[in-house]
Amino acid sequence: MTDCVLFLHGHQPYYNEEFIVKEITWQSYGPMFKMLSDLSKDNQFSINLSLTGSVIQWFERTNNDFLISTLGELIDRGVVEVLLSPFYHAPFVFTDDGFIKEQFYHHRKMVKEMFGKEMRGLFPPELVFSTHKNHLLQELDIDYSIIDGVYSTFYSDDVEGIWKLETEKDIFIIPRNRALSWHFSDNAFPNGQWMLETINKKNGPVAIGCDLECFGHHRGTDSFRFLEYFLTNAEKANVQLSRAEEVVKRNKKNAQLYQAEEVTTWARSINVFFPHSKIIEMWFARNDAVSTYHRIEYFYFKLESMLQKRVASDGDKKLKKLLEQVIDIKMKKLDDIRWGIYRELTDAALYHEDFSNENTYRAMMDRCGWIKGRLWKVEEKLTEIMMTL
């Protein structure tokens, strides 16, 4: 049988409108989870889901117990493998390592606490990947990552097999077959049989995938007919739909070395994230907000450390109150700003071409300025405390 890694990616921005999320849930997430639950009872298959922290948060915010409980059931039964991703969908190649690692940490923590699953595979948002971030993948302690099988790297859109990064710890790369994935996301019903026959002829493993919202929301309800056919007929066509972790174990001995340095993505091109000078300007504005945060956070930790040492040495009540005040500033203000940066300034959607819109551009610049203004007020308060010492 030919190994096939089927993955679907679901994400809803934190700042999305609730009625939009509910519409997509009704059209895509609900029918998808129900189909997977029903079909997996009589058919042998597994798929891989990339669900960002913010979309799982939306399941909670809309009190959708069906989605959460069904997802948990699918994970427990081994039907679904959940892939690690930055909590708010940040393109980690373009994002500060410190911020992105904390997003990974919170996504991993959320899935572990909700579903009891330790994620071993990575899905980079928008499949933006570069070997310049090999060090980060190694620090994340993952075993494999899905990337896009771009022509310029693999000399074919019809790529199969797995690769290995040049890292101390073995980290494997599963490239998406762009040619077959295009047919999969288009999901015209008659393509199901042809796709399974085509996959069966390959040595494998073959990875195919698209946005989860392609089923239902983008393509209409008929798209689920295609998916139902694909899932229920895969085994008959000698195609084994497996979790990525299983495919890596079975095929890692044949892994080739992946050394391409270019930034890859499943978008039309990497320029989608930087379509014109305004995007670049917003990029620097965002980086300026982040660097301001880091500077003030460093100031806070130095001040906290100094106060702790003084309190430990003489136990003065006034110093204790100042220490409590400083910690309160951190927990109620600085931490809130940090999450504001996560949500508003590192979501991959913020770097799409919709920023050619003048109003969106101004909104982004305003948000950067607003965050820096809040940071300066925190700095003023911390400075005022420091001057009393």
Protein backbone atom coordinates (compact mmCIF):
# COMPACT_ATOMS: atom_id res chain seq x y z
CA MET A 1 0.00 0.00 0.00
CA THR A 2 1.08 3.58 -0.62
CA ASP A 3 1.43 5.74 2.48
CA CYS A 4 -0.53 8.98 2.28
CA VAL A 5 -0.43 11.85 4.78
CA LEU A 6 -3.71 13.73 4.47
CA PHE A 7 -3.72 17.01 6.40
CA LEU A 8 -6.26 19.80 6.81
CA HIS A 9 -5.55 23.22 8.26
CA GLY A 10 -8.12 25.20 10.25
CA HIS A 11 -7.62 28.74 11.55
CA GLN A 12 -9.82 31.66 12.57
CA PRO A 13 -8.16 34.93 13.65
CA TYR A 14 -8.74 36.00 17.23
CA TYR A 15 -10.16 39.31 16.00
CA ASN A 16 -12.64 37.74 13.56
CA GLU A 17 -16.36 38.50 13.79
CA GLU A 18 -18.34 35.90 15.76
CA PHE A 19 -21.04 35.55 13.10
CA ILE A 20 -18.37 34.67 10.50
CA VAL A 21 -16.87 31.98 12.74
CA LYS A 22 -20.33 30.54 13.44
CA GLU A 23 -21.10 30.46 9.72
CA ILE A 24 -17.85 28.60 8.95
CA THR A 25 -18.51 26.24 11.86
CA TRP A 26 -21.93 25.44 10.44
CA GLN A 27 -20.59 25.01 6.91
CA SER A 28 -17.20 23.33 7.55
CA TYR A 29 -16.07 22.41 11.07
CA GLY A 30 -19.31 20.80 12.23
CA PRO A 31 -19.92 18.66 9.11
CA MET A 32 -16.21 17.74 8.95
CA PHE A 33 -15.97 16.51 12.53
CA LYS A 34 -19.27 14.61 12.25
CA MET A 35 -18.17 12.96 8.99
CA LEU A 36 -14.83 11.89 10.46
CA SER A 37 -16.57 10.49 13.53
CA ASP A 38 -19.19 8.57 11.54
CA LEU A 39 -16.97 7.22 8.75
CA SER A 40 -14.12 6.14 11.03
CA LYS A 41 -16.38 3.64 12.79
CA ASP A 42 -16.55 1.43 9.69
CA ASN A 43 -13.44 2.48 7.74
CA GLN A 44 -9.71 2.40 8.49
CA PHE A 45 -8.13 5.82 7.99
CA SER A 46 -6.34 8.57 9.89
CA ILE A 47 -5.86 12.22 9.03
CA ASN A 48 -3.76 15.08 10.36
CA LEU A 49 -5.30 18.33 11.60
CA SER A 50 -3.62 21.67 12.07
CA LEU A 51 -5.92 23.63 14.37
CA THR A 52 -4.45 26.86 15.71
CA GLY A 53 -4.95 27.87 19.31
CA SER A 54 -7.18 30.75 18.26
CA VAL A 55 -9.63 28.51 16.36
CA ILE A 56 -9.86 26.15 19.36
CA GLN A 57 -10.44 29.25 21.49
CA TRP A 58 -13.32 30.11 19.15
CA PHE A 59 -14.82 26.65 19.79
CA GLU A 60 -14.72 27.52 23.50
CA ARG A 61 -15.92 31.12 23.10
CA THR A 62 -18.98 29.96 21.14
CA ASN A 63 -19.61 27.16 23.69
CA ASN A 64 -19.46 24.52 20.97
CA ASP A 65 -19.21 21.39 23.10
CA PHE A 66 -19.86 19.15 20.07
CA LEU A 67 -16.68 20.26 18.28
CA ILE A 68 -14.50 19.97 21.37
CA SER A 69 -15.85 16.60 22.53
CA THR A 70 -15.84 15.09 19.02
CA LEU A 71 -12.28 16.27 18.41
CA GLY A 72 -11.23 14.72 21.70
CA GLU A 73 -12.89 11.44 20.74
CA LEU A 74 -11.18 11.41 17.32
CA ILE A 75 -7.79 12.04 18.93
CA ASP A 76 -8.34 9.30 21.53
CA ARG A 77 -9.27 6.79 18.83
CA GLY A 78 -6.21 7.66 16.73
CA VAL A 79 -8.32 8.93 13.83
CA VAL A 80 -6.81 12.42 14.11
CA GLU A 81 -3.30 13.61 14.81
CA VAL A 82 -3.11 17.27 15.83
CA LEU A 83 -0.11 19.22 14.55
CA LEU A 84 1.75 21.88 16.50
CA SER A 85 1.39 25.43 15.25
CA PRO A 86 1.93 28.97 16.57
CA PHE A 87 -1.09 29.82 18.73
CA TYR A 88 -2.14 32.83 16.64
CA HIS A 89 -0.98 31.55 13.23
CA ALA A 90 2.20 33.63 13.06
CA PRO A 91 4.55 32.87 10.12
CA PHE A 92 7.46 31.73 12.30
CA VAL A 93 10.13 32.40 9.67
CA PHE A 94 9.28 36.13 9.88
CA THR A 95 8.60 36.33 13.61
CA ASP A 96 10.87 37.00 16.56
CA ASP A 97 12.06 33.69 18.07
CA GLY A 98 11.13 34.64 21.62
CA PHE A 99 7.55 35.53 20.74
CA ILE A 100 7.06 32.56 18.46
CA LYS A 101 8.39 30.07 21.00
CA GLU A 102 5.87 31.27 23.55
CA GLN A 103 3.07 30.88 20.99
CA PHE A 104 4.23 27.31 20.37
CA TYR A 105 4.38 26.72 24.12
CA HIS A 106 0.79 27.85 24.69
CA HIS A 107 -0.57 25.87 21.74
CA ARG A 108 1.19 22.73 22.99
CA LYS A 109 -0.06 23.38 26.54
CA MET A 110 -3.66 23.91 25.38
CA VAL A 111 -3.81 20.66 23.37
CA LYS A 112 -2.11 18.70 26.15
CA GLU A 113 -4.52 19.97 28.80
CA MET A 114 -7.67 19.65 26.69
CA PHE A 115 -6.98 16.38 24.87
CA GLY A 116 -4.04 14.78 26.69
CA LYS A 117 -1.96 14.67 23.51
CA GLU A 118 1.69 15.64 23.13
CA MET A 119 2.17 16.99 19.59
CA ARG A 120 5.26 15.71 17.78
CA GLY A 121 4.68 17.19 14.32
CA LEU A 122 4.69 20.79 13.12
CA PHE A 123 2.51 22.66 10.65
CA PRO A 124 4.09 26.04 9.82
CA PRO A 125 1.28 28.54 9.10
CA GLU A 126 0.85 29.10 5.37
CA LEU A 127 3.61 26.43 5.12
CA VAL A 128 6.16 29.25 5.35
CA PHE A 129 9.43 27.43 6.04
CA SER A 130 13.17 27.97 5.79
CA THR A 131 16.20 26.00 6.98
CA HIS A 132 17.38 29.27 8.55
CA LYS A 133 15.00 28.29 11.37
CA ASN A 134 16.42 24.79 11.87
CA HIS A 135 17.68 25.86 15.30
CA LEU A 136 14.16 26.82 16.33
CA LEU A 137 12.69 23.49 15.24
CA GLN A 138 15.35 21.72 17.27
CA GLU A 139 14.50 23.79 20.35
CA LEU A 140 10.81 22.96 19.89
CA ASP A 141 11.61 19.24 20.28
CA ILE A 142 9.53 18.09 17.32
CA ASP A 143 10.11 15.00 15.16
CA TYR A 144 8.80 16.17 11.80
CA SER A 145 7.29 19.09 9.93
CA ILE A 146 5.06 19.44 6.89
CA ILE A 147 6.32 21.93 4.29
CA ASP A 148 5.28 22.76 0.75
CA GLY A 149 6.87 20.81 -2.08
CA VAL A 150 7.69 23.82 -4.24
CA TYR A 151 9.04 23.25 -7.75
CA SER A 152 12.15 25.38 -7.27
CA THR A 153 13.31 23.08 -4.45
CA PHE A 154 12.14 19.64 -5.57
CA TYR A 155 12.11 20.25 -9.37
CA SER A 156 8.59 18.88 -9.50
CA ASP A 157 5.14 19.77 -8.19
CA ASP A 158 4.43 16.03 -8.03
CA VAL A 159 6.78 15.33 -5.11
CA GLU A 160 6.77 12.23 -2.90
CA GLY A 161 9.00 10.86 -0.13
CA ILE A 162 10.38 12.35 3.07
CA TRP A 163 13.51 14.37 3.80
CA LYS A 164 15.66 15.06 6.87
CA LEU A 165 17.02 18.35 8.20
CA GLU A 166 20.71 18.85 8.90
CA THR A 167 20.26 19.05 12.68
CA GLU A 168 21.72 17.27 15.71
CA LYS A 169 18.35 15.72 16.49
CA ASP A 170 16.63 13.91 13.63
CA ILE A 171 13.84 16.12 12.28
CA PHE A 172 12.05 14.90 9.18
CA ILE A 173 10.38 16.92 6.45
CA ILE A 174 7.15 15.84 4.74
CA PRO A 175 6.67 17.91 1.55
CA ARG A 176 3.16 18.49 0.29
CA ASN A 177 2.45 17.21 -3.22
CA ARG A 178 1.29 20.45 -4.83
CA ALA A 179 -0.11 18.84 -7.99
CA LEU A 180 -2.39 16.39 -6.17
CA SER A 181 -3.25 18.87 -3.45
CA TRP A 182 -4.61 21.25 -6.07
CA HIS A 183 -7.06 18.56 -7.19
CA PHE A 184 -7.85 17.71 -3.58
CA SER A 185 -8.70 21.29 -2.61
CA ASP A 186 -10.72 21.71 -5.82
CA ASN A 187 -12.54 18.50 -4.77
CA ALA A 188 -14.69 17.92 -7.83
CA PHE A 189 -16.50 14.66 -7.02
CA PRO A 190 -15.34 12.59 -10.06
CA ASN A 191 -11.69 13.30 -9.13
CA GLY A 192 -11.85 10.97 -6.11
CA GLN A 193 -11.27 7.72 -7.99
CA TRP A 194 -8.58 9.24 -10.23
CA MET A 195 -6.74 10.66 -7.22
CA LEU A 196 -6.67 7.36 -5.35
CA GLU A 197 -5.50 5.50 -8.46
CA THR A 198 -2.76 8.09 -9.01
CA ILE A 199 -1.55 7.91 -5.41
CA ASN A 200 -1.54 4.10 -5.53
CA LYS A 201 0.90 4.15 -8.47
CA LYS A 202 3.49 6.09 -6.45
CA ASN A 203 6.19 4.73 -4.15
CA GLY A 204 5.19 7.21 -1.46
CA PRO A 205 4.80 8.54 1.00
CA VAL A 206 2.57 11.17 -0.57
CA ALA A 207 1.34 14.19 1.40
CA ILE A 208 -1.75 16.08 0.30
CA GLY A 209 -3.57 18.85 2.10
CA CYS A 210 -5.42 22.15 2.03
CA ASP A 211 -7.42 24.47 4.26
CA LEU A 212 -10.16 22.67 6.15
CA GLU A 213 -12.52 25.45 5.07
CA CYS A 214 -12.19 24.29 1.44
CA PHE A 215 -14.80 21.71 2.40
CA GLY A 216 -18.19 23.33 2.87
CA HIS A 217 -17.33 27.00 3.26
CA HIS A 218 -15.36 27.58 0.05
CA ARG A 219 -16.70 24.80 -2.17
CA GLY A 220 -20.20 24.12 -0.95
CA THR A 221 -21.79 21.02 0.58
CA ASP A 222 -21.07 18.81 -2.44
CA SER A 223 -17.38 18.91 -1.57
CA PHE A 224 -18.11 16.53 1.32
CA ARG A 225 -19.26 13.92 -1.19
CA PHE A 226 -15.76 13.95 -2.62
CA LEU A 227 -14.16 13.66 0.82
CA GLU A 228 -16.49 10.83 1.85
CA TYR A 229 -15.58 8.90 -1.31
CA PHE A 230 -11.86 9.54 -0.75
CA LEU A 231 -11.90 8.36 2.87
CA THR A 232 -14.11 5.30 2.39
CA ASN A 233 -12.38 4.03 -0.76
CA ALA A 234 -8.73 4.71 0.11
CA GLU A 235 -8.07 1.29 1.64
CA LYS A 236 -9.74 -0.50 -1.29
CA ALA A 237 -7.44 1.45 -3.63
CA ASN A 238 -4.37 0.35 -1.62
CA VAL A 239 -3.84 3.85 -0.24
CA GLN A 240 -3.13 3.95 3.49
CA LEU A 241 -4.26 7.23 5.03
CA SER A 242 -2.07 7.49 8.12
CA ARG A 243 -0.99 9.83 10.86
CA ALA A 244 2.24 11.61 10.02
CA GLU A 245 4.00 10.03 13.02
CA GLU A 246 3.31 6.54 11.61
CA VAL A 247 4.46 7.48 8.12
CA VAL A 248 7.73 8.93 9.43
CA LYS A 249 8.47 5.76 11.42
CA ARG A 250 7.87 3.55 8.40
CA ASN A 251 9.85 5.64 5.91
CA LYS A 252 12.61 7.50 7.81
CA LYS A 253 15.36 5.09 6.68
CA ASN A 254 14.93 6.36 3.11
CA ALA A 255 14.96 10.07 4.04
CA GLN A 256 17.13 12.36 1.91
CA LEU A 257 18.90 15.45 3.27
CA TYR A 258 16.98 18.72 2.92
CA GLN A 259 19.31 21.73 2.64
CA ALA A 260 17.36 24.25 0.53
CA GLU A 261 17.73 27.74 2.00
CA GLU A 262 14.86 29.47 0.22
CA VAL A 263 11.70 30.47 2.04
CA THR A 264 8.82 28.29 0.86
CA THR A 265 5.06 28.66 1.17
CA TRP A 266 1.88 27.23 -0.32
CA ALA A 267 0.81 30.79 -1.18
CA ARG A 268 1.29 31.97 -4.77
CA SER A 269 4.72 33.26 -3.76
CA ILE A 270 6.49 34.58 -0.71
CA ASN A 271 5.76 38.09 -2.02
CA VAL A 272 2.16 37.57 -0.91
CA PHE A 273 3.37 38.48 2.57
CA PHE A 274 5.09 41.67 1.39
CA PRO A 275 3.13 42.95 -1.62
CA HIS A 276 4.37 46.54 -1.57
CA SER A 277 6.15 49.24 0.39
CA LYS A 278 3.26 49.77 2.81
CA ILE A 279 3.58 46.19 4.01
CA ILE A 280 7.29 46.72 4.60
CA GLU A 281 6.52 49.90 6.55
CA MET A 282 4.02 48.03 8.70
CA TRP A 283 6.56 45.27 9.18
CA PHE A 284 9.05 47.74 10.65
CA ALA A 285 6.34 49.38 12.75
CA ARG A 286 5.43 45.99 14.16
CA ASN A 287 9.11 45.18 14.87
CA ASP A 288 9.50 48.55 16.60
CA ALA A 289 6.55 47.73 18.86
CA VAL A 290 8.04 44.31 19.66
CA SER A 291 11.53 45.72 20.40
CA THR A 292 9.95 48.36 22.67
CA TYR A 293 8.19 45.60 24.56
CA HIS A 294 11.44 43.62 24.98
CA ARG A 295 13.25 46.71 26.31
CA ILE A 296 10.56 47.48 28.90
CA GLU A 297 10.21 43.83 29.87
CA TYR A 298 13.99 43.73 30.52
CA PHE A 299 13.66 46.89 32.64
CA TYR A 300 10.86 45.24 34.64
CA PHE A 301 12.89 42.09 35.39
CA LYS A 302 15.91 44.12 36.51
CA LEU A 303 13.72 46.22 38.82
CA GLU A 304 11.91 43.15 40.19
CA SER A 305 15.22 41.39 40.87
CA MET A 306 16.62 44.42 42.69
CA LEU A 307 13.50 44.74 44.88
CA GLN A 308 13.49 41.03 45.71
CA LYS A 309 17.10 41.20 46.87
CA ARG A 310 16.39 44.24 49.07
CA VAL A 311 13.27 42.70 50.57
CA ALA A 312 15.18 39.49 51.30
CA SER A 313 17.96 41.43 53.04
CA ASP A 314 15.99 43.79 55.32
CA GLY A 315 12.28 42.88 54.96
CA ASP A 316 11.12 46.51 54.82
CA LYS A 317 7.31 46.77 54.50
CA LYS A 318 7.49 49.68 52.05
CA LEU A 319 9.80 47.66 49.80
CA LYS A 320 7.40 44.72 49.96
CA LYS A 321 4.55 46.97 48.83
CA LEU A 322 6.66 48.31 45.96
CA LEU A 323 7.55 44.76 44.91
CA GLU A 324 3.86 43.80 44.95
CA GLN A 325 3.06 46.90 42.91
CA VAL A 326 5.74 46.05 40.31
CA ILE A 327 4.52 42.46 39.99
CA ASP A 328 0.94 43.72 39.67
CA ILE A 329 2.03 45.97 36.77
CA LYS A 330 3.60 42.96 35.08
CA MET A 331 0.56 40.70 35.48
CA LYS A 332 -2.18 43.22 34.71
CA LYS A 333 -0.53 45.48 32.14
CA LEU A 334 2.68 44.15 30.63
CA ASP A 335 1.35 40.61 30.12
CA ASP A 336 -1.84 41.97 28.59
CA ILE A 337 0.24 44.02 26.13
CA ARG A 338 2.28 40.94 25.25
CA TRP A 339 -0.86 39.02 24.32
CA GLY A 340 -2.04 42.03 22.36
CA ILE A 341 1.12 41.78 20.30
CA TYR A 342 0.54 38.06 19.79
CA ARG A 343 -3.02 38.50 18.64
CA GLU A 344 -2.80 41.65 16.61
CA LEU A 345 0.72 41.92 15.24
CA THR A 346 1.90 38.36 14.54
CA ASP A 347 -1.07 36.73 12.84
CA ALA A 348 -0.12 35.63 9.35
CA ALA A 349 -3.34 37.15 8.03
CA LEU A 350 -1.85 40.56 8.80
CA TYR A 351 0.76 40.04 6.09
CA HIS A 352 -1.61 39.12 3.27
CA GLU A 353 -2.43 41.28 0.32
CA ASP A 354 -5.53 42.69 2.01
CA PHE A 355 -3.17 45.30 3.47
CA SER A 356 -3.15 47.04 0.14
CA ASN A 357 -6.40 48.43 1.54
CA GLU A 358 -5.72 51.94 2.86
CA ASN A 359 -8.01 51.59 5.89
CA THR A 360 -6.38 48.32 6.95
CA TYR A 361 -2.95 49.87 6.57
CA ARG A 362 -3.90 52.79 8.80
CA ALA A 363 -5.47 50.43 11.33
CA MET A 364 -2.27 48.41 11.58
CA MET A 365 -0.15 51.52 12.05
CA ASP A 366 -2.59 52.79 14.68
CA ARG A 367 -2.42 49.50 16.58
CA CYS A 368 1.39 49.60 16.60
CA GLY A 369 1.28 53.15 17.93
CA TRP A 370 -1.39 52.25 20.50
CA ILE A 371 0.67 49.33 21.82
CA LYS A 372 3.80 51.48 22.06
CA GLY A 373 1.79 54.16 23.90
CA ARG A 374 0.68 51.60 26.49
CA LEU A 375 4.25 50.39 26.84
CA TRP A 376 5.53 53.92 27.46
CA LYS A 377 2.97 54.37 30.25
CA VAL A 378 4.20 51.14 31.86
CA GLU A 379 7.77 52.38 31.52
CA GLU A 380 6.85 55.70 33.19
CA LYS A 381 5.30 53.86 36.14
CA LEU A 382 8.28 51.52 36.53
CA THR A 383 10.67 54.48 36.32
CA GLU A 384 8.67 56.32 38.97
CA ILE A 385 9.01 53.31 41.30
CA MET A 386 12.72 52.97 40.57
CA MET A 387 13.32 56.66 41.39
CA THR A 388 11.92 56.15 44.90
CA LEU A 389 14.63 53.62 45.71
